[in-house]
């Protein structure tokens, strides 16, 4: 948008400043988390929130993956180390090997670090068919969670996922009709995706259920590890090249031989991170997409290799 539609981009920036448009997710893209190495996940957050901060003066405190094909046990540790507070997905409703541990709770990693996780955010194509504040489905779901844990709240997506586009006008009207209704049975708060995590105090957090371990899907997690093998190979080649190139570039800079090639490394990393998008790297994009992605991977490899050779 910034490159091709600069006037609309200015309008978007004004909406963000006014609080009419919320940034979310923290990452460069809605990335896969099964295949990339830990360094990549950390850089997704570093580069994503750095862009938000530079362009909009704001950062996001959540990692938002509505559509991803499984989440390893290391995920909460990495996100916590990156300084994030929360995580959300709706994908576990497609069939989770362990079942959905909770609607909202604490997901703890192998090192004891944890984040607040909304693991049952319903549907990324979620319609608002009736008043959210009176529908028995949500009233009962909140009651059951509250009766069990003493906390009466929940989290859900709505809008148009998987295909692009704004939330449907009828859905927005029904959402607005659910606010400040004298017949409301629950209070509805339309909010930025990270607001809930910011408002859960340490005292409330202590009451939430805790889960440790993988969250893999019964129908997708294994399959996407084998599709489009060249994407997997070149992604890993780039991760290895990046590590080697950066180490030796730091040494060359430290000894006064070369300037540190920050821009070249960042440009290569951004291509790699963009192509870790969950459908591209997982191998579930249309064939035409890979003509662009293979090109990006090779350009990134050439960039890292050039830094490695020049620094050496």
Foldseek 3Di string as FASTA:
>chain_A
DVPPCVVVVVVVLVCVVVVNDDDEAQFLALFEAPQDDLVLVLVRNVVSQVCCCVRRVDGYQEHENQDFFWFWLCVFVSSVVSVHAEYEYQCCVVAWPVHQPAQWAWEAHPVRHIHIYRYHQDDQQDADPAQPQPDPVLLVNQVVVCVVQVDRDGHHHHAHPPPDDGRDPVRVVSPVVNAPDPPGPDHDDDDHPRVVSVPQDPVNNVSGDYDGGITGGPPQRVQLVPAPVVLSVLLVLLVVLLVLLQVLLVVLVVVVNDDRPVVLSVQLSSLSSVCSHRCRSSRNDPPVVVVVNVVSSVSSSVSSVVSNVVSD
